Amino acid sequence: MRKFLQLFIICLVLEQVFMFFGGWRLFQNWFSASVFIALVLAISIRIWLSQEDRLEAMEKRIKELEEQQVQKEKQE
């Protein structure tokens, strides 16, 4: 949860910078639109990062299984 909040704050700051430099023209209520966009962006990035973590864990598991297979073949 802490990583998500950090990510959300970073997205919110970047979104505020975007709104300051002309993005407010796209929305009538710029603050709520900015928070919503930052939230969606933070959720998307967090999902992507969690998938990356899961992929790394799966790669480790596959490597361990391959090593076990090689050891079994050497024993036979």
N, C-alpha and C. Protein backbone atom coordinates (compact mmCIF):
# COMPACT_ATOMS: atom_id res chain seq x y z
N MET A 1 0.82 -1.19 0.00
CA MET A 1 0.00 0.00 0.00
C MET A 1 0.88 1.27 0.00
N ARG A 2 2.01 1.17 0.71
CA ARG A 2 2.89 2.33 0.77
C ARG A 2 3.47 2.66 -0.61
N LYS A 3 3.85 1.62 -1.35
CA LYS A 3 4.39 1.84 -2.70
C LYS A 3 3.34 2.46 -3.60
N PHE A 4 2.09 2.01 -3.44
CA PHE A 4 1.02 2.57 -4.27
C PHE A 4 0.82 4.05 -3.94
N LEU A 5 0.83 4.41 -2.68
CA LEU A 5 0.65 5.81 -2.30
C LEU A 5 1.79 6.68 -2.82
N GLN A 6 3.01 6.16 -2.76
CA GLN A 6 4.13 6.90 -3.31
C GLN A 6 3.95 7.10 -4.82
N LEU A 7 3.55 6.06 -5.48
CA LEU A 7 3.33 6.13 -6.92
C LEU A 7 2.19 7.11 -7.24
N PHE A 8 1.13 7.09 -6.45
CA PHE A 8 0.00 7.98 -6.66
C PHE A 8 0.42 9.44 -6.48
N ILE A 9 1.22 9.72 -5.47
CA ILE A 9 1.67 11.10 -5.24
C ILE A 9 2.55 11.57 -6.39
N ILE A 10 3.43 10.69 -6.88
CA ILE A 10 4.26 11.06 -8.03
C ILE A 10 3.39 11.36 -9.25
N CYS A 11 2.40 10.51 -9.50
CA CYS A 11 1.49 10.74 -10.64
C CYS A 11 0.69 12.03 -10.44
N LEU A 12 0.28 12.29 -9.21
CA LEU A 12 -0.49 13.50 -8.93
C LEU A 12 0.35 14.75 -9.17
N VAL A 13 1.60 14.73 -8.76
CA VAL A 13 2.48 15.87 -9.00
C VAL A 13 2.69 16.07 -10.49
N LEU A 14 2.96 15.00 -11.21
CA LEU A 14 3.14 15.12 -12.66
C LEU A 14 1.88 15.62 -13.35
N GLU A 15 0.74 15.16 -12.86
CA GLU A 15 -0.53 15.61 -13.42
C GLU A 15 -0.76 17.09 -13.14
N GLN A 16 -0.38 17.56 -11.97
CA GLN A 16 -0.53 18.98 -11.64
C GLN A 16 0.37 19.84 -12.53
N VAL A 17 1.56 19.34 -12.81
CA VAL A 17 2.47 20.06 -13.71
C VAL A 17 1.84 20.13 -15.10
N PHE A 18 1.26 19.03 -15.56
CA PHE A 18 0.58 19.01 -16.85
C PHE A 18 -0.57 20.01 -16.87
N MET A 19 -1.36 20.02 -15.81
CA MET A 19 -2.50 20.94 -15.75
C MET A 19 -2.03 22.39 -15.69
N PHE A 20 -0.94 22.64 -15.01
CA PHE A 20 -0.42 24.01 -14.90
C PHE A 20 0.01 24.55 -16.26
N PHE A 21 0.57 23.70 -17.08
CA PHE A 21 1.06 24.14 -18.38
C PHE A 21 0.04 23.98 -19.51
N GLY A 22 -1.22 24.08 -19.21
CA GLY A 22 -2.23 24.12 -20.25
C GLY A 22 -3.21 22.97 -20.27
N GLY A 23 -3.00 21.95 -19.49
CA GLY A 23 -3.92 20.82 -19.48
C GLY A 23 -5.28 21.18 -18.91
N TRP A 24 -5.36 22.25 -18.14
CA TRP A 24 -6.63 22.66 -17.54
C TRP A 24 -7.65 23.06 -18.61
N ARG A 25 -7.18 23.38 -19.79
CA ARG A 25 -8.10 23.75 -20.86
C ARG A 25 -8.94 22.56 -21.34
N LEU A 26 -8.46 21.35 -21.06
CA LEU A 26 -9.18 20.15 -21.49
C LEU A 26 -10.37 19.82 -20.59
N PHE A 27 -10.32 20.28 -19.35
CA PHE A 27 -11.34 19.91 -18.37
C PHE A 27 -11.95 21.16 -17.75
N GLN A 28 -13.23 21.06 -17.36
CA GLN A 28 -13.87 22.20 -16.70
C GLN A 28 -13.52 22.22 -15.22
N ASN A 29 -13.58 21.08 -14.56
CA ASN A 29 -13.20 21.00 -13.16
C ASN A 29 -11.82 20.35 -13.11
N TRP A 30 -10.78 21.14 -13.19
CA TRP A 30 -9.45 20.62 -13.42
C TRP A 30 -8.89 19.84 -12.24
N PHE A 31 -9.23 20.20 -11.01
CA PHE A 31 -8.64 19.49 -9.88
C PHE A 31 -9.18 18.06 -9.77
N SER A 32 -10.49 17.89 -9.88
CA SER A 32 -11.05 16.53 -9.77
C SER A 32 -10.63 15.68 -10.97
N ALA A 33 -10.55 16.29 -12.14
CA ALA A 33 -10.09 15.55 -13.32
C ALA A 33 -8.63 15.14 -13.13
N SER A 34 -7.84 16.01 -12.57
CA SER A 34 -6.44 15.72 -12.34
C SER A 34 -6.26 14.57 -11.36
N VAL A 35 -7.01 14.58 -10.28
CA VAL A 35 -6.92 13.51 -9.29
C VAL A 35 -7.38 12.19 -9.91
N PHE A 36 -8.45 12.22 -10.68
CA PHE A 36 -8.95 11.01 -11.32
C PHE A 36 -7.93 10.44 -12.30
N ILE A 37 -7.34 11.28 -13.11
CA ILE A 37 -6.35 10.82 -14.08
C ILE A 37 -5.12 10.26 -13.36
N ALA A 38 -4.68 10.93 -12.30
CA ALA A 38 -3.54 10.44 -11.54
C ALA A 38 -3.85 9.09 -10.90
N LEU A 39 -5.07 8.92 -10.41
CA LEU A 39 -5.48 7.66 -9.81
C LEU A 39 -5.46 6.53 -10.83
N VAL A 40 -6.04 6.77 -11.98
CA VAL A 40 -6.07 5.76 -13.04
C VAL A 40 -4.65 5.43 -13.49
N LEU A 41 -3.83 6.45 -13.63
CA LEU A 41 -2.45 6.24 -14.04
C LEU A 41 -1.68 5.44 -12.98
N ALA A 42 -1.86 5.77 -11.72
CA ALA A 42 -1.17 5.07 -10.64
C ALA A 42 -1.61 3.60 -10.56
N ILE A 43 -2.89 3.35 -10.72
CA ILE A 43 -3.39 1.97 -10.70
C ILE A 43 -2.81 1.18 -11.86
N SER A 44 -2.79 1.78 -13.03
CA SER A 44 -2.24 1.09 -14.20
C SER A 44 -0.76 0.77 -14.03
N ILE A 45 -0.01 1.72 -13.54
CA ILE A 45 1.43 1.50 -13.35
C ILE A 45 1.67 0.46 -12.28
N ARG A 46 0.89 0.50 -11.20
CA ARG A 46 1.07 -0.47 -10.11
C ARG A 46 0.75 -1.89 -10.59
N ILE A 47 -0.29 -2.05 -11.40
CA ILE A 47 -0.61 -3.36 -11.96
C ILE A 47 0.53 -3.85 -12.83
N TRP A 48 1.08 -2.96 -13.65
CA TRP A 48 2.19 -3.33 -14.51
C TRP A 48 3.40 -3.75 -13.69
N LEU A 49 3.71 -3.00 -12.62
CA LEU A 49 4.86 -3.35 -11.79
C LEU A 49 4.64 -4.66 -11.03
N SER A 50 3.42 -4.91 -10.59
CA SER A 50 3.16 -6.17 -9.89
C SER A 50 3.27 -7.35 -10.84
N GLN A 51 2.88 -7.17 -12.09
CA GLN A 51 3.04 -8.23 -13.08
C GLN A 51 4.52 -8.50 -13.33
N GLU A 52 5.31 -7.45 -13.32
CA GLU A 52 6.75 -7.61 -13.50
C GLU A 52 7.35 -8.40 -12.33
N ASP A 53 6.91 -8.11 -11.12
CA ASP A 53 7.39 -8.86 -9.94
C ASP A 53 7.00 -10.33 -10.04
N ARG A 54 5.77 -10.59 -10.45
CA ARG A 54 5.31 -11.96 -10.59
C ARG A 54 6.10 -12.70 -11.67
N LEU A 55 6.43 -12.02 -12.74
CA LEU A 55 7.21 -12.62 -13.82
C LEU A 55 8.61 -12.99 -13.34
N GLU A 56 9.22 -12.11 -12.57
CA GLU A 56 10.55 -12.41 -12.03
C GLU A 56 10.50 -13.61 -11.09
N ALA A 57 9.47 -13.69 -10.26
CA ALA A 57 9.33 -14.83 -9.35
C ALA A 57 9.14 -16.12 -10.15
N MET A 58 8.38 -16.05 -11.23
CA MET A 58 8.16 -17.23 -12.06
C MET A 58 9.46 -17.66 -12.75
N GLU A 59 10.25 -16.70 -13.18
CA GLU A 59 11.53 -17.02 -13.81
C GLU A 59 12.46 -17.73 -12.81
N LYS A 60 12.48 -17.26 -11.57
CA LYS A 60 13.28 -17.92 -10.54
C LYS A 60 12.81 -19.35 -10.32
N ARG A 61 11.51 -19.53 -10.26
CA ARG A 61 10.94 -20.86 -10.03
C ARG A 61 11.29 -21.80 -11.19
N ILE A 62 11.17 -21.32 -12.41
CA ILE A 62 11.50 -22.14 -13.57
C ILE A 62 12.98 -22.52 -13.55
N LYS A 63 13.83 -21.57 -13.19
CA LYS A 63 15.26 -21.85 -13.13
C LYS A 63 15.56 -22.93 -12.08
N GLU A 64 14.92 -22.84 -10.93
CA GLU A 64 15.10 -23.85 -9.89
C GLU A 64 14.61 -25.23 -10.36
N LEU A 65 13.49 -25.26 -11.04
CA LEU A 65 12.96 -26.53 -11.55
C LEU A 65 13.89 -27.12 -12.61
N GLU A 66 14.45 -26.28 -13.46
CA GLU A 66 15.40 -26.76 -14.46
C GLU A 66 16.65 -27.33 -13.80
N GLU A 67 17.13 -26.65 -12.76
CA GLU A 67 18.30 -27.16 -12.04
C GLU A 67 18.00 -28.50 -11.37
N GLN A 68 16.82 -28.64 -10.81
CA GLN A 68 16.42 -29.91 -10.21
C GLN A 68 16.36 -31.01 -11.27
N GLN A 69 15.87 -30.67 -12.45
CA GLN A 69 15.78 -31.65 -13.54
C GLN A 69 17.17 -32.10 -13.98
N VAL A 70 18.09 -31.16 -14.07
CA VAL A 70 19.46 -31.48 -14.46
C VAL A 70 20.09 -32.38 -13.41
N GLN A 71 19.86 -32.11 -12.14
CA GLN A 71 20.42 -32.95 -11.07
C GLN A 71 19.85 -34.36 -11.12
N LYS A 72 18.57 -34.49 -11.40
CA LYS A 72 17.95 -35.82 -11.52
C LYS A 72 18.54 -36.59 -12.68
N GLU A 73 18.78 -35.89 -13.79
CA GLU A 73 19.36 -36.57 -14.96
C GLU A 73 20.79 -37.02 -14.68
N LYS A 74 21.54 -36.23 -13.91
CA LYS A 74 22.90 -36.59 -13.58
C LYS A 74 22.93 -37.82 -12.65
N GLN A 75 21.94 -37.94 -11.78
CA GLN A 75 21.87 -39.07 -10.87
C GLN A 75 21.54 -40.36 -11.59
N GLU A 76 20.82 -40.28 -12.67
CA GLU A 76 20.42 -41.49 -13.41
C GLU A 76 21.47 -41.96 -14.31
